[in-house]
Protein backbone atom coordinates (compact mmCIF):
# COMPACT_ATOMS: atom_id res chain seq x y z
CA MET A 1 144.98 199.39 253.29
CA SER A 2 147.23 200.99 250.87
CA GLU A 3 146.91 198.27 247.99
CA TYR A 4 144.10 195.67 246.88
CA THR A 5 144.79 193.20 245.22
CA PHE A 6 142.44 190.05 244.15
CA PRO A 7 142.29 187.44 245.92
CA PHE A 8 144.55 188.37 249.09
CA ASN A 9 143.47 191.55 250.10
CA THR A 10 139.86 190.59 249.57
CA CYS A 11 137.98 190.64 253.19
CA GLU A 12 137.84 187.12 254.61
CA LYS A 13 140.89 186.27 256.24
CA PRO A 14 142.54 183.09 254.73
CA ASN A 15 143.36 180.26 256.25
CA LYS A 16 147.08 178.78 255.78
CA ASN A 17 145.94 175.49 255.38
CA GLY A 18 142.94 173.76 253.20
CA ILE A 19 140.58 176.17 251.21
CA ALA A 20 142.03 179.78 251.79
CA GLN A 21 138.63 181.30 251.64
CA PRO A 22 136.04 178.58 252.02
CA TYR A 23 132.86 180.91 252.59
CA SER A 24 133.77 183.33 249.37
CA ALA A 25 134.61 179.81 247.29
CA LEU A 26 131.40 178.37 248.75
CA VAL A 27 128.99 181.26 247.92
CA ASN A 28 131.11 181.31 244.17
CA LEU A 29 130.51 177.70 243.67
CA ILE A 30 126.62 178.21 244.03
CA ASN A 31 126.49 180.97 241.61
CA CYS A 32 128.18 178.51 239.25
CA ILE A 33 125.71 176.26 239.68
CA ILE A 34 122.77 178.35 239.29
CA ILE A 35 124.75 179.50 235.57
CA SER A 36 125.64 176.07 234.21
CA TYR A 37 121.47 175.70 234.66
CA PHE A 38 120.86 178.46 232.63
CA LEU A 39 123.60 177.52 230.55
CA LEU A 40 122.35 173.62 229.99
CA ASN A 41 119.09 175.25 229.07
CA THR A 42 120.69 178.11 226.30
CA LYS A 43 118.82 177.46 222.41
CA SER A 44 121.47 179.47 220.58
CA THR A 45 125.56 179.45 220.05
CA HIS A 46 125.88 183.03 220.97
CA THR A 47 123.96 182.32 224.12
CA PHE A 48 125.78 179.56 224.93
CA ILE A 49 129.13 181.23 224.01
CA LEU A 50 127.96 184.09 226.18
CA LEU A 51 126.96 181.92 229.78
CA LEU A 52 129.94 180.03 229.14
CA SER A 53 131.99 183.06 229.08
CA ILE A 54 130.29 183.83 232.33
CA LEU A 55 130.95 180.88 233.80
CA CYS A 56 134.36 180.51 233.17
CA PHE A 57 134.77 183.61 234.97
CA GLU A 58 133.50 182.40 238.52
CA LEU A 59 134.90 179.24 237.61
CA PHE A 60 138.21 180.95 238.21
CA HIS A 61 136.56 183.12 240.32
CA VAL A 62 136.05 180.11 242.84
CA PHE A 63 139.68 178.42 242.39
CA SER A 64 141.06 181.82 243.27
CA HIS A 65 139.19 181.79 246.42
CA THR A 66 140.38 178.07 246.82
CA ILE A 67 144.22 178.62 246.14
CA HIS A 68 145.98 181.73 246.12
CA ILE A 69 149.11 181.85 244.24
CA ASN A 70 151.68 184.12 244.43
CA GLY A 71 152.26 187.36 242.21
CA SER A 72 150.06 188.89 240.08
CA ILE A 73 148.66 186.20 237.56
CA GLN A 74 145.24 185.35 239.42
CA ILE A 75 144.15 189.31 239.05
CA ASN A 76 145.28 188.95 235.42
CA ILE A 77 143.43 186.25 234.36
CA THR A 78 140.49 187.34 236.07
CA HIS A 79 140.92 190.65 234.20
CA MET A 80 141.21 188.65 231.06
CA LEU A 81 138.21 186.85 231.53
CA SER A 82 135.94 190.06 232.07
CA TYR A 83 137.27 191.00 228.52
CA ALA A 84 136.14 187.68 227.36
CA MET A 85 132.42 188.16 228.97
CA ASN A 86 132.21 191.62 227.07
CA LEU A 87 133.14 190.36 223.92
CA ALA A 88 130.69 187.58 224.62
CA PHE A 89 127.71 190.09 225.28
CA PHE A 90 129.15 191.86 222.27
CA TYR A 91 129.00 188.44 219.89
CA ALA A 92 125.22 187.84 221.34
CA PHE A 93 123.86 191.17 220.84
CA TYR A 94 125.18 191.32 217.55
CA CYS A 95 124.19 188.15 216.71
CA TYR A 96 120.56 189.10 218.23
CA THR A 97 120.00 192.41 216.06
CA ASN A 98 122.42 191.67 213.16
CA ILE A 99 124.00 195.29 213.11
CA PHE A 100 127.28 196.15 213.92
CA PRO A 101 128.29 199.28 215.83
CA SER A 102 129.03 202.78 214.38
CA ASN A 103 132.40 203.67 213.92
CA GLU A 104 131.55 206.31 216.75
CA PHE A 105 131.19 203.96 219.46
CA ILE A 106 133.66 201.53 218.16
CA PHE A 107 136.23 204.37 218.59
CA TYR A 108 134.91 204.76 222.55
CA LEU A 109 135.19 201.47 223.43
CA VAL A 110 138.64 202.02 222.05
CA VAL A 111 139.13 204.61 224.02
CA LEU A 112 137.91 202.76 227.04
CA VAL A 113 140.25 199.79 226.85
CA GLY A 114 142.61 201.86 226.45
CA LEU A 115 141.77 203.61 230.14
CA ASP A 116 141.15 200.04 230.99
CA VAL A 117 144.65 198.93 230.22
CA TYR A 118 146.54 201.79 232.05
CA SER A 119 144.26 201.09 234.75
CA MET A 120 145.02 197.61 235.25
CA LEU A 121 149.12 198.54 234.90
CA ASN A 122 149.02 201.74 237.28
CA LEU A 123 145.98 202.05 239.37
CA THR A 124 144.23 199.91 241.73
CA ILE A 125 141.54 197.36 241.37
CA ILE A 126 138.71 199.56 241.82
CA TYR A 127 139.64 202.21 238.65
CA TYR A 128 139.97 199.14 236.31
CA LEU A 129 136.59 197.54 237.79
CA LEU A 130 135.25 200.67 236.94
CA SER A 131 136.37 200.62 233.44
CA GLN A 132 135.65 197.21 232.84
CA SER A 133 131.65 198.38 234.35
CA ILE A 134 131.83 200.94 232.47
CA ILE A 135 132.44 198.91 229.00
CA PHE A 136 129.68 196.25 229.67
CA ILE A 137 127.51 199.21 230.45
CA SER A 138 128.26 200.87 227.20
CA LEU A 139 127.50 197.97 225.45
CA LEU A 140 123.89 197.23 227.03
CA LEU A 141 122.97 200.75 226.33
CA TYR A 142 123.85 201.04 222.83
CA TYR A 143 122.03 198.38 221.82
CA TYR A 144 118.87 198.91 224.53
CA PRO A 145 116.74 199.77 221.44
CA LEU A 146 117.24 196.68 220.08
CA LEU A 147 116.72 194.50 222.69
CA PRO A 148 113.34 192.28 223.33
CA LYS A 149 111.24 194.16 226.70
CA PHE A 150 112.36 191.82 228.96
CA ILE A 151 115.83 192.15 228.45
CA GLN A 152 115.86 195.59 228.69
CA LEU A 153 114.15 195.36 232.09
CA SER A 154 116.62 193.48 233.10
CA ILE A 155 119.38 196.05 232.49
CA TYR A 156 118.10 198.63 234.84
CA LYS A 157 118.67 195.90 237.66
CA ILE A 158 122.38 195.07 235.85
CA ILE A 159 123.08 198.30 236.07
CA PHE A 160 122.10 198.91 239.92
CA PHE A 161 123.70 195.89 241.02
CA ILE A 162 127.41 196.73 239.45
CA GLY A 163 127.02 199.60 240.92
CA VAL A 164 126.16 198.20 244.71
CA ILE A 165 129.35 196.03 243.92
CA ILE A 166 132.29 199.06 243.18
CA LEU A 167 130.44 200.67 246.40
CA LEU A 168 131.22 197.17 248.23
CA PHE A 169 134.63 196.81 246.66
CA GLN A 170 135.59 200.43 247.55
CA ASN A 171 134.08 199.98 251.23
CA GLU A 172 136.26 196.42 251.86
CA LYS A 173 139.56 198.42 250.09
CA TYR A 174 138.93 200.81 252.60
CA ASN A 175 137.53 199.52 256.00
CA CYS A 176 138.48 195.97 255.18
CA GLU A 177 140.98 196.28 258.38
CA LYS A 178 138.86 198.11 260.43
CA MET A 179 136.09 195.77 260.06
CA LEU A 180 138.57 192.74 260.85
CA LYS A 181 139.42 194.57 263.87
CA ILE A 182 135.61 193.94 265.16
CA TYR A 183 134.79 190.54 264.07
CA PRO A 184 138.57 188.65 263.04
CA ASN A 185 137.28 185.93 261.62
CA PHE A 186 134.08 186.96 259.74
CA PRO A 187 134.01 186.67 256.02
CA TYR A 188 133.05 190.31 255.01
CA HIS A 189 133.91 189.54 251.03
CA THR A 190 130.79 187.27 251.34
CA PHE A 191 128.35 190.59 250.68
CA ILE A 192 130.25 190.89 247.43
CA GLU A 193 129.76 187.30 246.69
CA PHE A 194 126.38 186.92 247.53
CA VAL A 195 125.36 190.52 245.68
CA GLY A 196 127.14 188.88 242.72
CA ILE A 197 124.82 185.65 242.81
CA ILE A 198 121.94 188.36 242.03
CA LEU A 199 123.18 190.22 239.54
CA PHE A 200 124.50 187.01 237.12
CA TYR A 201 121.14 185.03 238.10
CA ILE A 202 119.30 188.53 236.42
CA ILE A 203 121.63 188.23 233.79
CA SER A 204 121.59 184.60 232.94
CA SER A 205 117.76 183.64 233.81
CA ASN A 206 117.40 186.66 230.98
CA PHE A 207 119.73 186.59 228.39
CA TYR A 208 119.90 182.76 228.27
CA LYS A 209 116.79 183.57 225.93
CA LEU A 210 118.02 185.75 223.87
């Protein structure tokens, strides 16, 4: 597969009528229900905004697997929602710690954003998935010493499952056609979505208490 464009090239054969990729849509809908539960149990404005940003990302994720719109609008909106999530994490960390990052770290983030924009315009999804993940992980590690123990313990798991998702996307990009030749109707993309449920459960079940 020479080019990977979300959601068209995700490894679940789309239907011509009805829901385009029902299995992926269903798994993400379950994810939305889980996130909504923790969203309704938040106790502070910054955690509410954080989980709301995650829920918006996942709701659009469901929509994207339900209806395919020609062009790059869906991947572009998904990318912007990723920025919204990272900003929400930044805001939550700042509200909890009352500490603004150093100038050096801000410059580092600006460089990462520049690389991310370049990746979005010139490279494939793997690269800007990686760049967005690095921005997120950088925020986690910068604020790590200032966060409560239960959040610190969850960060190791979060980083691990982000790595798993990146590897699964890499596999899907290069091996989807081969896998579909073996089982044409199997929704391989749901492997990524199930790992996504684990990842967002870990995030939601811990950060709603921050």
